[in-house]
Amino acid sequence: MSALHPMALVLHTDIAVRDTIVLALSDMGVQALEGYSVQQGLGLAQQLRPDLLFAGPTLADGATADLIRQLRARDILTPVVLLVPVGPVEVLREPWTPEQVQHVAGRLLAAPPGGPR
C-alpha cells in the first residue's frame, strides 16, 4: 500500500461501470486509475504497483485472466476483484482439487433453484 493513500486500478470496457467504481473508491479515500484494456492494465500495474485491481471478465484487447497471468509472471501480486455481469458465480482458483469440485458441486446441487447458494 502506498504511504498516503491506497491505490486501485479499475479496468472495464464500460465507462459507466468504471466511473461508478472510481467514485465509490474515491469516497473511501482510495485513489483510482482507470483503463479498458489488458495492455493498459499491464502497463499501469507495472509502473504504479496498485494495491487493488478491479476488472471485468473481458477487456478491449483480451481476457482479464490473461492479464492476471501476465501480472503474476512479473511477480505483481495485486489482489484482483473480478466484476461479473451475472451471478451467483462460484470460483475455483487453479490448481483446484477433486475434493473442491465435489464440495462446490454438492453445495450448488443441494440449493433450491434460484435460492441462496
N, C-alpha and C. Protein backbone atom coordinates (compact mmCIF):
# COMPACT_ATOMS: atom_id res chain seq x y z
N MET A 1 0.85 -1.17 0.00
CA MET A 1 0.00 0.00 0.00
C MET A 1 0.89 1.23 0.00
N SER A 2 0.46 2.25 -0.75
CA SER A 2 1.25 3.47 -0.80
C SER A 2 1.21 4.15 0.56
N ALA A 3 2.18 5.01 0.80
CA ALA A 3 2.35 5.63 2.11
C ALA A 3 1.14 6.46 2.52
N LEU A 4 0.57 7.26 1.61
CA LEU A 4 -0.50 8.17 1.98
C LEU A 4 -1.89 7.59 1.74
N HIS A 5 -2.14 7.10 0.55
CA HIS A 5 -3.46 6.58 0.19
C HIS A 5 -3.30 5.29 -0.60
N PRO A 6 -4.19 4.34 -0.36
CA PRO A 6 -4.15 3.15 -1.21
C PRO A 6 -4.54 3.52 -2.64
N MET A 7 -4.08 2.71 -3.57
CA MET A 7 -4.35 2.96 -4.99
C MET A 7 -4.99 1.73 -5.62
N ALA A 8 -5.99 1.98 -6.45
CA ALA A 8 -6.66 0.89 -7.17
C ALA A 8 -6.61 1.16 -8.67
N LEU A 9 -6.59 0.10 -9.42
CA LEU A 9 -6.66 0.17 -10.87
C LEU A 9 -8.00 -0.43 -11.26
N VAL A 10 -8.79 0.31 -12.04
CA VAL A 10 -10.14 -0.12 -12.45
C VAL A 10 -10.13 -0.29 -13.96
N LEU A 11 -10.32 -1.53 -14.42
CA LEU A 11 -10.29 -1.85 -15.85
C LEU A 11 -11.64 -2.42 -16.26
N HIS A 12 -12.28 -1.74 -17.20
CA HIS A 12 -13.58 -2.22 -17.69
C HIS A 12 -13.85 -1.52 -19.03
N THR A 13 -14.57 -2.20 -19.92
CA THR A 13 -14.88 -1.60 -21.21
C THR A 13 -16.04 -0.62 -21.14
N ASP A 14 -16.81 -0.67 -20.07
CA ASP A 14 -17.96 0.22 -19.90
C ASP A 14 -17.57 1.39 -19.00
N ILE A 15 -17.56 2.59 -19.58
CA ILE A 15 -17.12 3.77 -18.82
C ILE A 15 -18.03 4.04 -17.62
N ALA A 16 -19.32 3.72 -17.72
CA ALA A 16 -20.23 3.94 -16.59
C ALA A 16 -19.85 3.04 -15.41
N VAL A 17 -19.46 1.82 -15.70
CA VAL A 17 -19.02 0.90 -14.65
C VAL A 17 -17.74 1.44 -14.01
N ARG A 18 -16.79 1.84 -14.85
CA ARG A 18 -15.53 2.41 -14.31
C ARG A 18 -15.82 3.61 -13.43
N ASP A 19 -16.66 4.53 -13.92
CA ASP A 19 -16.96 5.75 -13.16
C ASP A 19 -17.58 5.43 -11.81
N THR A 20 -18.50 4.48 -11.79
CA THR A 20 -19.17 4.10 -10.53
C THR A 20 -18.17 3.55 -9.52
N ILE A 21 -17.28 2.68 -9.98
CA ILE A 21 -16.30 2.09 -9.08
C ILE A 21 -15.29 3.13 -8.62
N VAL A 22 -14.82 3.96 -9.53
CA VAL A 22 -13.87 5.02 -9.17
C VAL A 22 -14.48 5.94 -8.12
N LEU A 23 -15.74 6.32 -8.29
CA LEU A 23 -16.40 7.20 -7.33
C LEU A 23 -16.53 6.52 -5.97
N ALA A 24 -16.94 5.25 -5.96
CA ALA A 24 -17.08 4.52 -4.70
C ALA A 24 -15.73 4.42 -3.97
N LEU A 25 -14.68 4.15 -4.71
CA LEU A 25 -13.35 4.05 -4.11
C LEU A 25 -12.87 5.40 -3.61
N SER A 26 -13.11 6.43 -4.41
CA SER A 26 -12.72 7.79 -4.02
C SER A 26 -13.39 8.20 -2.72
N ASP A 27 -14.67 7.83 -2.56
CA ASP A 27 -15.41 8.17 -1.35
C ASP A 27 -14.79 7.56 -0.11
N MET A 28 -14.02 6.50 -0.27
CA MET A 28 -13.37 5.89 0.88
C MET A 28 -11.87 6.19 0.94
N GLY A 29 -11.44 7.17 0.16
CA GLY A 29 -10.05 7.62 0.23
C GLY A 29 -9.07 6.82 -0.60
N VAL A 30 -9.57 6.02 -1.53
CA VAL A 30 -8.71 5.23 -2.40
C VAL A 30 -8.53 5.97 -3.72
N GLN A 31 -7.29 6.19 -4.10
CA GLN A 31 -7.00 6.80 -5.39
C GLN A 31 -7.21 5.74 -6.46
N ALA A 32 -8.00 6.04 -7.48
CA ALA A 32 -8.31 5.04 -8.51
C ALA A 32 -7.93 5.56 -9.89
N LEU A 33 -7.25 4.72 -10.63
CA LEU A 33 -6.90 4.99 -12.02
C LEU A 33 -7.69 4.03 -12.88
N GLU A 34 -8.03 4.43 -14.09
CA GLU A 34 -8.88 3.58 -14.90
C GLU A 34 -8.32 3.33 -16.29
N GLY A 35 -8.79 2.23 -16.87
CA GLY A 35 -8.42 1.86 -18.22
C GLY A 35 -9.41 0.85 -18.75
N TYR A 36 -9.17 0.37 -19.98
CA TYR A 36 -10.14 -0.53 -20.60
C TYR A 36 -9.49 -1.72 -21.31
N SER A 37 -8.17 -1.88 -21.20
CA SER A 37 -7.53 -2.95 -21.94
C SER A 37 -6.48 -3.69 -21.10
N VAL A 38 -6.15 -4.89 -21.56
CA VAL A 38 -5.10 -5.68 -20.92
C VAL A 38 -3.78 -4.92 -20.97
N GLN A 39 -3.45 -4.35 -22.13
CA GLN A 39 -2.18 -3.64 -22.27
C GLN A 39 -2.10 -2.43 -21.34
N GLN A 40 -3.19 -1.66 -21.24
CA GLN A 40 -3.20 -0.54 -20.30
C GLN A 40 -3.02 -1.04 -18.88
N GLY A 41 -3.76 -2.08 -18.53
CA GLY A 41 -3.68 -2.62 -17.18
C GLY A 41 -2.30 -3.11 -16.84
N LEU A 42 -1.69 -3.81 -17.77
CA LEU A 42 -0.34 -4.33 -17.54
C LEU A 42 0.66 -3.19 -17.37
N GLY A 43 0.58 -2.19 -18.24
CA GLY A 43 1.50 -1.06 -18.14
C GLY A 43 1.34 -0.28 -16.85
N LEU A 44 0.09 0.03 -16.49
CA LEU A 44 -0.16 0.78 -15.26
C LEU A 44 0.23 -0.02 -14.02
N ALA A 45 -0.07 -1.31 -14.03
CA ALA A 45 0.27 -2.14 -12.87
C ALA A 45 1.78 -2.26 -12.70
N GLN A 46 2.52 -2.39 -13.80
CA GLN A 46 3.98 -2.46 -13.70
C GLN A 46 4.56 -1.15 -13.19
N GLN A 47 4.02 -0.06 -13.68
CA GLN A 47 4.54 1.26 -13.33
C GLN A 47 4.17 1.67 -11.91
N LEU A 48 2.90 1.43 -11.52
CA LEU A 48 2.38 2.01 -10.28
C LEU A 48 2.20 1.02 -9.13
N ARG A 49 2.21 -0.27 -9.41
CA ARG A 49 2.01 -1.29 -8.38
C ARG A 49 0.81 -0.98 -7.48
N PRO A 50 -0.41 -1.00 -8.05
CA PRO A 50 -1.60 -0.66 -7.27
C PRO A 50 -1.85 -1.67 -6.14
N ASP A 51 -2.63 -1.23 -5.15
CA ASP A 51 -2.97 -2.09 -4.02
C ASP A 51 -4.13 -3.02 -4.34
N LEU A 52 -4.98 -2.63 -5.29
CA LEU A 52 -6.13 -3.42 -5.72
C LEU A 52 -6.33 -3.27 -7.22
N LEU A 53 -6.95 -4.27 -7.81
CA LEU A 53 -7.30 -4.18 -9.22
C LEU A 53 -8.73 -4.69 -9.38
N PHE A 54 -9.59 -3.87 -9.98
CA PHE A 54 -10.96 -4.25 -10.31
C PHE A 54 -11.02 -4.40 -11.83
N ALA A 55 -11.63 -5.49 -12.32
CA ALA A 55 -11.69 -5.68 -13.77
C ALA A 55 -12.88 -6.51 -14.17
N GLY A 56 -13.43 -6.18 -15.35
CA GLY A 56 -14.45 -7.01 -15.96
C GLY A 56 -13.81 -8.28 -16.49
N PRO A 57 -14.60 -9.30 -16.83
CA PRO A 57 -14.02 -10.57 -17.28
C PRO A 57 -13.30 -10.49 -18.62
N THR A 58 -13.74 -9.56 -19.47
CA THR A 58 -13.03 -9.34 -20.74
C THR A 58 -12.79 -7.85 -20.88
N LEU A 59 -11.67 -7.54 -21.49
CA LEU A 59 -11.29 -6.15 -21.73
C LEU A 59 -11.21 -5.94 -23.24
N ALA A 60 -10.91 -4.73 -23.66
CA ALA A 60 -10.96 -4.39 -25.08
C ALA A 60 -10.04 -5.26 -25.94
N ASP A 61 -8.94 -5.72 -25.38
CA ASP A 61 -7.98 -6.48 -26.18
C ASP A 61 -7.69 -7.88 -25.64
N GLY A 62 -8.56 -8.39 -24.78
CA GLY A 62 -8.33 -9.75 -24.29
C GLY A 62 -9.04 -10.03 -22.98
N ALA A 63 -8.78 -11.22 -22.46
CA ALA A 63 -9.41 -11.68 -21.23
C ALA A 63 -8.63 -11.21 -20.00
N THR A 64 -9.36 -10.90 -18.96
CA THR A 64 -8.73 -10.49 -17.71
C THR A 64 -7.87 -11.62 -17.16
N ALA A 65 -8.27 -12.86 -17.39
CA ALA A 65 -7.44 -13.99 -16.94
C ALA A 65 -6.04 -13.90 -17.55
N ASP A 66 -5.94 -13.47 -18.80
CA ASP A 66 -4.62 -13.30 -19.43
C ASP A 66 -3.83 -12.20 -18.73
N LEU A 67 -4.51 -11.12 -18.39
CA LEU A 67 -3.84 -10.04 -17.65
C LEU A 67 -3.31 -10.55 -16.32
N ILE A 68 -4.13 -11.29 -15.60
CA ILE A 68 -3.71 -11.79 -14.29
C ILE A 68 -2.49 -12.70 -14.44
N ARG A 69 -2.51 -13.58 -15.44
CA ARG A 69 -1.35 -14.46 -15.67
C ARG A 69 -0.09 -13.63 -15.96
N GLN A 70 -0.23 -12.60 -16.78
CA GLN A 70 0.92 -11.76 -17.11
C GLN A 70 1.43 -11.00 -15.88
N LEU A 71 0.51 -10.52 -15.06
CA LEU A 71 0.92 -9.83 -13.82
C LEU A 71 1.67 -10.78 -12.90
N ARG A 72 1.13 -11.99 -12.70
CA ARG A 72 1.77 -12.95 -11.81
C ARG A 72 3.14 -13.36 -12.34
N ALA A 73 3.26 -13.48 -13.67
CA ALA A 73 4.55 -13.83 -14.27
C ALA A 73 5.60 -12.75 -14.01
N ARG A 74 5.14 -11.52 -13.78
CA ARG A 74 6.05 -10.41 -13.48
C ARG A 74 6.13 -10.16 -11.97
N ASP A 75 5.63 -11.10 -11.20
CA ASP A 75 5.65 -11.04 -9.73
C ASP A 75 4.87 -9.84 -9.19
N ILE A 76 3.80 -9.47 -9.89
CA ILE A 76 2.88 -8.44 -9.41
C ILE A 76 1.69 -9.19 -8.81
N LEU A 77 1.58 -9.16 -7.49
CA LEU A 77 0.62 -9.98 -6.77
C LEU A 77 -0.59 -9.19 -6.28
N THR A 78 -0.91 -8.11 -6.95
CA THR A 78 -2.04 -7.27 -6.59
C THR A 78 -3.32 -8.10 -6.51
N PRO A 79 -4.10 -7.98 -5.41
CA PRO A 79 -5.39 -8.67 -5.35
C PRO A 79 -6.33 -8.17 -6.45
N VAL A 80 -7.10 -9.09 -7.02
CA VAL A 80 -8.00 -8.77 -8.14
C VAL A 80 -9.44 -9.03 -7.74
N VAL A 81 -10.30 -8.05 -8.02
CA VAL A 81 -11.74 -8.22 -7.87
C VAL A 81 -12.30 -8.34 -9.29
N LEU A 82 -12.86 -9.49 -9.61
CA LEU A 82 -13.41 -9.73 -10.94
C LEU A 82 -14.88 -9.34 -10.93
N LEU A 83 -15.23 -8.40 -11.80
CA LEU A 83 -16.60 -7.89 -11.89
C LEU A 83 -17.34 -8.69 -12.96
N VAL A 84 -18.32 -9.48 -12.54
CA VAL A 84 -19.04 -10.32 -13.49
C VAL A 84 -20.47 -9.82 -13.64
N PRO A 85 -21.02 -9.93 -14.86
CA PRO A 85 -22.35 -9.38 -15.13
C PRO A 85 -23.51 -10.24 -14.67
N VAL A 86 -23.24 -11.45 -14.22
CA VAL A 86 -24.30 -12.35 -13.77
C VAL A 86 -23.89 -13.00 -12.46
N GLY A 87 -24.82 -13.56 -11.79
CA GLY A 87 -24.49 -14.23 -10.55
C GLY A 87 -25.62 -15.16 -10.17
N PRO A 88 -25.50 -15.95 -9.18
CA PRO A 88 -24.26 -16.11 -8.43
C PRO A 88 -23.23 -16.90 -9.23
N VAL A 89 -21.99 -16.66 -8.95
CA VAL A 89 -20.89 -17.31 -9.64
C VAL A 89 -19.97 -17.94 -8.59
N GLU A 90 -19.62 -19.17 -8.80
CA GLU A 90 -18.65 -19.83 -7.95
C GLU A 90 -17.30 -19.79 -8.64
N VAL A 91 -16.27 -19.59 -7.88
CA VAL A 91 -14.92 -19.53 -8.45
C VAL A 91 -14.05 -20.56 -7.76
N LEU A 92 -13.38 -21.36 -8.55
CA LEU A 92 -12.36 -22.27 -8.04
C LEU A 92 -11.02 -21.78 -8.58
N ARG A 93 -10.12 -21.47 -7.68
CA ARG A 93 -8.81 -20.99 -8.08
C ARG A 93 -7.93 -22.19 -8.46
N GLU A 94 -7.30 -22.09 -9.62
CA GLU A 94 -6.39 -23.15 -10.06
C GLU A 94 -5.10 -23.07 -9.28
N PRO A 95 -4.49 -24.15 -8.94
CA PRO A 95 -4.93 -25.52 -9.20
C PRO A 95 -5.96 -25.94 -8.15
N TRP A 96 -7.08 -26.51 -8.59
CA TRP A 96 -8.13 -26.96 -7.69
C TRP A 96 -8.01 -28.47 -7.52
N THR A 97 -8.64 -28.97 -6.49
CA THR A 97 -8.59 -30.41 -6.22
C THR A 97 -9.96 -31.03 -6.54
N PRO A 98 -10.01 -32.33 -6.76
CA PRO A 98 -11.29 -33.00 -6.96
C PRO A 98 -12.23 -32.79 -5.77
N GLU A 99 -11.67 -32.74 -4.57
CA GLU A 99 -12.49 -32.51 -3.38
C GLU A 99 -13.15 -31.13 -3.42
N GLN A 100 -12.44 -30.12 -3.91
CA GLN A 100 -13.03 -28.79 -4.01
C GLN A 100 -14.16 -28.78 -5.04
N VAL A 101 -13.97 -29.48 -6.15
CA VAL A 101 -15.02 -29.58 -7.18
C VAL A 101 -16.25 -30.25 -6.57
N GLN A 102 -16.04 -31.33 -5.83
CA GLN A 102 -17.16 -32.04 -5.22
C GLN A 102 -17.87 -31.18 -4.18
N HIS A 103 -17.11 -30.43 -3.40
CA HIS A 103 -17.70 -29.57 -2.37
C HIS A 103 -18.60 -28.51 -3.00
N VAL A 104 -18.08 -27.82 -4.01
CA VAL A 104 -18.87 -26.77 -4.67
C VAL A 104 -20.08 -27.37 -5.38
N ALA A 105 -19.87 -28.46 -6.10
CA ALA A 105 -20.98 -29.09 -6.83
C ALA A 105 -22.06 -29.57 -5.86
N GLY A 106 -21.64 -30.18 -4.77
CA GLY A 106 -22.61 -30.66 -3.78
C GLY A 106 -23.42 -29.54 -3.17
N ARG A 107 -22.76 -28.46 -2.84
CA ARG A 107 -23.46 -27.30 -2.25
C ARG A 107 -24.46 -26.71 -3.24
N LEU A 108 -24.05 -26.55 -4.50
CA LEU A 108 -24.92 -25.96 -5.50
C LEU A 108 -26.10 -26.88 -5.85
N LEU A 109 -25.83 -28.18 -5.91
CA LEU A 109 -26.89 -29.12 -6.25
C LEU A 109 -27.91 -29.25 -5.13
N ALA A 110 -27.50 -29.01 -3.88
CA ALA A 110 -28.40 -29.11 -2.73
C ALA A 110 -29.26 -27.86 -2.55
N ALA A 111 -28.86 -26.76 -3.15
CA ALA A 111 -29.61 -25.50 -3.00
C ALA A 111 -30.84 -25.53 -3.90
N PRO A 112 -31.93 -24.92 -3.45
CA PRO A 112 -33.11 -24.84 -4.31
C PRO A 112 -32.83 -23.96 -5.54
N PRO A 113 -33.45 -24.27 -6.69
CA PRO A 113 -33.23 -23.43 -7.89
C PRO A 113 -33.56 -21.97 -7.60
N GLY A 114 -32.64 -21.11 -7.92
CA GLY A 114 -32.84 -19.68 -7.73
C GLY A 114 -32.65 -19.24 -6.30
N GLY A 115 -32.41 -20.17 -5.39
CA GLY A 115 -32.26 -19.85 -3.97
C GLY A 115 -30.85 -19.46 -3.64
N PRO A 116 -30.62 -19.16 -2.36
CA PRO A 116 -29.27 -18.76 -1.95
C PRO A 116 -28.30 -19.93 -2.13
N ARG A 117 -27.12 -19.59 -2.52
CA ARG A 117 -26.08 -20.60 -2.75
C ARG A 117 -25.10 -20.52 -1.62
